[in-house]
Amino acid sequence: MSSKSKLYIVAIPIGNADDITLRALKVLREVDFVICEEYKPGSRFLKSCDIKKPLELLNEHNEKEQSKIILDRLLINTETAALICDAGTPLFADPGNNLVWQCHQNGIKVIPVPGASSIMTALMGSGLRLDQFLYYGFLPANKDERISAIKKLPNKYDLIFLEAPYRLKQFLRDMKKVLGEKRQAVIAYKLTQPQEKYFWGTLKELSIMTEELPKGEFVFILKTNLF
């Protein structure tokens, strides 16, 4: 194996295009190819940076076979690659963890290139104490499974959730049903974009405040009810 073989994990903007780092741009210009979830978002992002690179798709539908193909390119062809996601920091509820693990096991250097993160951005602007919190990720999409998962949530820490932009109403509905209308939470909406806004309140208040809110990316922080 050539020492040239490397996998860069590159964070990209979550909304504001100016949040791309100089290091990220340098890496993306120098690697042999870029790994992304879907062709359209990946190619659109590279075009916005005036970068032309071959793309390899790695997503939940092809992760197993594509991880092997990409690993062979890195090992046999001694190429370098950059892994990006649709927005923000890769590998948080995104595919690619298996590829990173396989690179470690095969002596390919893995190099994180940090940058924008919806999770950290939401926490920074929330006003919450940041000494202890838990990242939960996505609840199940199925309603019954989601309600069952909410019933099992730990109560000792503030919990951070990600969710699809179109599922906010259902998400709040099920949270209220299980945890009660008075439970406190924060919604960080369209982070880094002109429409960026933080909603603070009880689950009931948040449901009212966001009733007419246009669909958009959000991070949900559920406050512990231990006081």
Protein backbone atom coordinates (compact mmCIF):
# COMPACT_ATOMS: atom_id res chain seq x y z
CA MET A 1 0.00 0.00 0.00
CA SER A 2 1.26 3.45 -0.89
CA SER A 3 1.38 6.06 1.83
CA LYS A 4 -0.67 8.17 -0.56
CA SER A 5 -3.88 6.26 0.27
CA LYS A 6 -6.01 8.46 2.52
CA LEU A 7 -9.67 8.96 3.36
CA TYR A 8 -10.62 12.49 4.37
CA ILE A 9 -13.92 13.02 6.21
CA VAL A 10 -14.91 16.53 5.20
CA ALA A 11 -17.56 18.70 6.85
CA ILE A 12 -19.43 21.03 4.50
CA PRO A 13 -21.94 23.87 5.16
CA ILE A 14 -25.35 23.13 6.67
CA GLY A 15 -27.04 26.12 5.04
CA ASN A 16 -24.74 29.12 4.73
CA ALA A 17 -22.28 28.52 1.88
CA ASP A 18 -19.68 30.75 3.54
CA ASP A 19 -19.19 28.15 6.28
CA ILE A 20 -16.92 25.98 4.10
CA THR A 21 -13.40 26.02 5.52
CA LEU A 22 -10.22 26.82 3.60
CA ARG A 23 -8.84 23.41 4.59
CA ALA A 24 -11.95 21.64 3.26
CA LEU A 25 -11.63 23.41 -0.09
CA LYS A 26 -7.93 22.52 -0.30
CA VAL A 27 -8.62 18.84 0.43
CA LEU A 28 -11.50 18.62 -2.05
CA ARG A 29 -9.33 20.11 -4.78
CA GLU A 30 -6.47 17.67 -4.12
CA VAL A 31 -8.19 14.29 -3.67
CA ASP A 32 -8.68 11.87 -6.57
CA PHE A 33 -12.43 11.46 -6.02
CA VAL A 34 -15.27 12.49 -3.72
CA ILE A 35 -17.73 10.14 -1.96
CA CYS A 36 -21.24 11.51 -1.47
CA GLU A 37 -24.73 10.25 -0.58
CA GLU A 38 -26.58 11.32 -3.74
CA TYR A 39 -25.31 12.56 -7.08
CA LYS A 40 -27.38 15.77 -7.38
CA PRO A 41 -26.53 17.33 -3.98
CA GLY A 42 -22.91 16.20 -4.27
CA SER A 43 -22.35 17.56 -7.76
CA ARG A 44 -24.25 20.77 -6.95
CA PHE A 45 -22.03 21.40 -3.93
CA LEU A 46 -18.79 20.78 -5.82
CA LYS A 47 -19.96 23.01 -8.67
CA SER A 48 -20.69 25.81 -6.17
CA CYS A 49 -17.05 25.54 -5.05
CA ASP A 50 -15.81 25.43 -8.67
CA ILE A 51 -14.40 21.94 -8.10
CA LYS A 52 -14.58 19.12 -10.64
CA LYS A 53 -14.01 15.64 -9.23
CA PRO A 54 -15.36 12.16 -10.01
CA LEU A 55 -18.10 11.08 -7.62
CA GLU A 56 -18.70 7.73 -5.93
CA LEU A 57 -22.11 7.25 -4.33
CA LEU A 58 -22.31 5.72 -0.85
CA ASN A 59 -25.75 5.59 0.75
CA GLU A 60 -28.05 3.35 2.77
CA HIS A 61 -29.07 1.44 -0.37
CA ASN A 62 -25.59 0.45 -1.59
CA GLU A 63 -23.32 0.84 1.45
CA LYS A 64 -22.06 -2.75 1.64
CA GLU A 65 -21.01 -3.19 -1.99
CA GLN A 66 -19.85 0.40 -2.46
CA SER A 67 -17.65 0.29 0.64
CA LYS A 68 -15.75 -2.62 -0.92
CA ILE A 69 -15.42 -0.87 -4.28
CA ILE A 70 -14.14 2.32 -2.65
CA LEU A 71 -11.79 0.41 -0.35
CA ASP A 72 -10.29 -1.39 -3.36
CA ARG A 73 -9.73 1.94 -5.10
CA LEU A 74 -7.90 3.24 -2.06
CA LEU A 75 -5.86 0.06 -1.51
CA ILE A 76 -5.11 -1.11 -5.04
CA ASN A 77 -5.01 2.18 -6.92
CA THR A 78 -3.47 4.07 -3.97
CA GLU A 79 -5.96 6.90 -4.49
CA THR A 80 -7.15 9.54 -2.04
CA ALA A 81 -10.81 10.29 -1.38
CA ALA A 82 -12.98 12.77 0.51
CA LEU A 83 -16.21 11.63 2.17
CA ILE A 84 -18.94 14.29 2.38
CA CYS A 85 -22.63 14.14 3.27
CA ASP A 86 -25.56 16.16 1.93
CA ALA A 87 -24.88 18.88 4.52
CA GLY A 88 -22.77 19.38 7.62
CA THR A 89 -20.52 16.84 9.32
CA PRO A 90 -20.53 13.30 7.87
CA LEU A 91 -21.33 10.08 9.77
CA PHE A 92 -23.95 11.46 12.20
CA ALA A 93 -26.94 9.37 11.10
CA ASP A 94 -25.27 9.14 7.66
CA PRO A 95 -23.69 6.14 5.87
CA GLY A 96 -19.93 5.67 5.79
CA ASN A 97 -18.99 4.35 9.22
CA ASN A 98 -18.23 0.89 7.83
CA LEU A 99 -15.93 2.36 5.19
CA VAL A 100 -14.06 4.36 7.84
CA TRP A 101 -13.70 1.24 9.99
CA GLN A 102 -12.43 -0.81 7.04
CA CYS A 103 -9.88 1.89 6.24
CA HIS A 104 -8.56 1.72 9.80
CA GLN A 105 -8.35 -2.08 9.58
CA ASN A 106 -6.43 -1.92 6.30
CA GLY A 107 -3.90 0.73 7.23
CA ILE A 108 -5.46 3.56 5.22
CA LYS A 109 -5.06 6.85 7.02
CA VAL A 110 -8.37 8.47 8.05
CA ILE A 111 -8.24 12.26 8.38
CA PRO A 112 -11.20 14.27 9.74
CA VAL A 113 -11.58 17.80 8.37
CA PRO A 114 -13.94 19.50 10.87
CA GLY A 115 -16.40 22.23 10.09
CA ALA A 116 -20.10 23.05 10.28
CA SER A 117 -22.30 20.78 12.42
CA SER A 118 -26.04 21.22 12.98
CA ILE A 119 -25.75 19.54 16.38
CA MET A 120 -23.05 21.84 17.72
CA THR A 121 -24.61 24.92 16.10
CA ALA A 122 -27.95 24.18 17.76
CA LEU A 123 -26.30 23.78 21.15
CA MET A 124 -24.25 26.96 20.76
CA GLY A 125 -27.35 29.07 20.22
CA SER A 126 -29.72 27.27 22.59
CA GLY A 127 -28.81 29.00 25.84
CA LEU A 128 -28.70 25.63 27.60
CA ARG A 129 -25.94 24.50 29.93
CA LEU A 130 -23.55 22.50 27.79
CA ASP A 131 -21.67 20.53 30.43
CA GLN A 132 -23.80 17.39 29.95
CA PHE A 133 -26.05 16.31 27.08
CA LEU A 134 -26.75 13.20 24.97
CA TYR A 135 -27.01 12.92 21.21
CA TYR A 136 -29.90 10.60 20.29
CA GLY A 137 -30.15 11.08 16.53
CA PHE A 138 -33.31 9.99 14.70
CA LEU A 139 -36.34 8.40 16.28
CA PRO A 140 -38.00 5.61 14.26
CA ALA A 141 -40.14 6.81 11.35
CA ASN A 142 -42.93 4.38 12.18
CA LYS A 143 -45.43 5.97 14.61
CA ASP A 144 -45.80 3.00 16.97
CA GLU A 145 -42.05 2.39 17.06
CA ARG A 146 -41.43 6.11 17.62
CA ILE A 147 -43.83 6.23 20.59
CA SER A 148 -42.22 3.11 22.04
CA ALA A 149 -38.77 4.70 21.69
CA ILE A 150 -39.92 7.94 23.36
CA LYS A 151 -41.17 5.95 26.35
CA LYS A 152 -37.65 4.55 26.80
CA LEU A 153 -35.79 7.88 26.62
CA PRO A 154 -33.36 8.56 29.47
CA ASN A 155 -34.34 11.48 31.69
CA LYS A 156 -31.05 12.53 33.23
CA TYR A 157 -29.70 14.70 30.40
CA ASP A 158 -30.82 17.13 27.71
CA LEU A 159 -31.35 15.04 24.55
CA ILE A 160 -30.54 16.11 20.98
CA PHE A 161 -32.64 14.77 18.11
CA LEU A 162 -32.45 15.04 14.34
CA GLU A 163 -35.56 14.63 12.21
CA ALA A 164 -36.77 14.97 8.63
CA PRO A 165 -37.98 18.52 7.80
CA TYR A 166 -41.49 17.30 6.95
CA ARG A 167 -42.00 15.37 10.19
CA LEU A 168 -41.99 18.16 12.80
CA LYS A 169 -45.73 18.07 13.53
CA GLN A 170 -45.81 14.30 14.00
CA PHE A 171 -42.66 14.47 16.08
CA LEU A 172 -44.16 17.05 18.46
CA ARG A 173 -47.48 15.22 18.57
CA ASP A 174 -45.88 11.99 19.76
CA MET A 175 -43.56 13.78 22.20
CA LYS A 176 -46.59 15.47 23.80
CA LYS A 177 -48.54 12.22 23.93
CA VAL A 178 -45.81 10.39 25.84
CA LEU A 179 -44.03 13.11 27.83
CA GLY A 180 -46.88 15.55 28.48
CA GLU A 181 -47.58 19.04 27.18
CA LYS A 182 -45.50 20.81 29.84
CA ARG A 183 -42.13 19.25 29.01
CA GLN A 184 -39.65 21.94 27.94
CA ALA A 185 -37.74 21.83 24.67
CA VAL A 186 -35.92 23.91 22.05
CA ILE A 187 -36.28 23.84 18.27
CA ALA A 188 -33.34 25.22 16.26
CA TYR A 189 -34.74 25.96 12.80
CA LYS A 190 -32.90 26.53 9.51
CA LEU A 191 -29.56 27.04 11.21
CA THR A 192 -27.04 29.43 9.55
CA GLN A 193 -29.68 30.54 7.02
CA PRO A 194 -31.49 33.92 6.85
CA GLN A 195 -34.62 32.28 8.35
CA GLU A 196 -32.67 30.87 11.32
CA LYS A 197 -34.71 30.91 14.51
CA TYR A 198 -34.81 29.33 17.96
CA PHE A 199 -38.14 28.33 19.51
CA TRP A 200 -38.19 27.86 23.28
CA GLY A 201 -41.14 26.55 25.29
CA THR A 202 -43.24 23.63 26.40
CA LEU A 203 -44.17 20.95 23.90
CA LYS A 204 -47.66 22.45 23.73
CA GLU A 205 -46.29 25.96 23.12
CA LEU A 206 -43.87 24.71 20.49
CA SER A 207 -46.70 22.96 18.64
CA ILE A 208 -48.60 26.25 18.48
CA MET A 209 -45.56 28.36 17.57
CA THR A 210 -44.56 26.09 14.69
CA GLU A 211 -48.05 25.28 13.36
CA GLU A 212 -47.62 27.45 10.24
CA LEU A 213 -43.84 27.11 10.00
CA PRO A 214 -42.65 26.29 6.45
CA LYS A 215 -40.89 22.97 6.04
CA GLY A 216 -37.21 23.27 6.92
CA GLU A 217 -34.29 21.48 8.55
CA PHE A 218 -34.32 21.59 12.34
CA VAL A 219 -32.59 20.23 15.43
CA PHE A 220 -34.72 19.37 18.47
CA ILE A 221 -33.38 19.58 22.02
CA LEU A 222 -35.50 17.98 24.74
CA LYS A 223 -34.74 19.42 28.17
CA THR A 224 -34.48 17.12 31.14
CA ASN A 225 -37.29 17.52 33.63
CA LEU A 226 -34.94 16.96 36.55
CA PHE A 227 -34.59 20.28 38.36
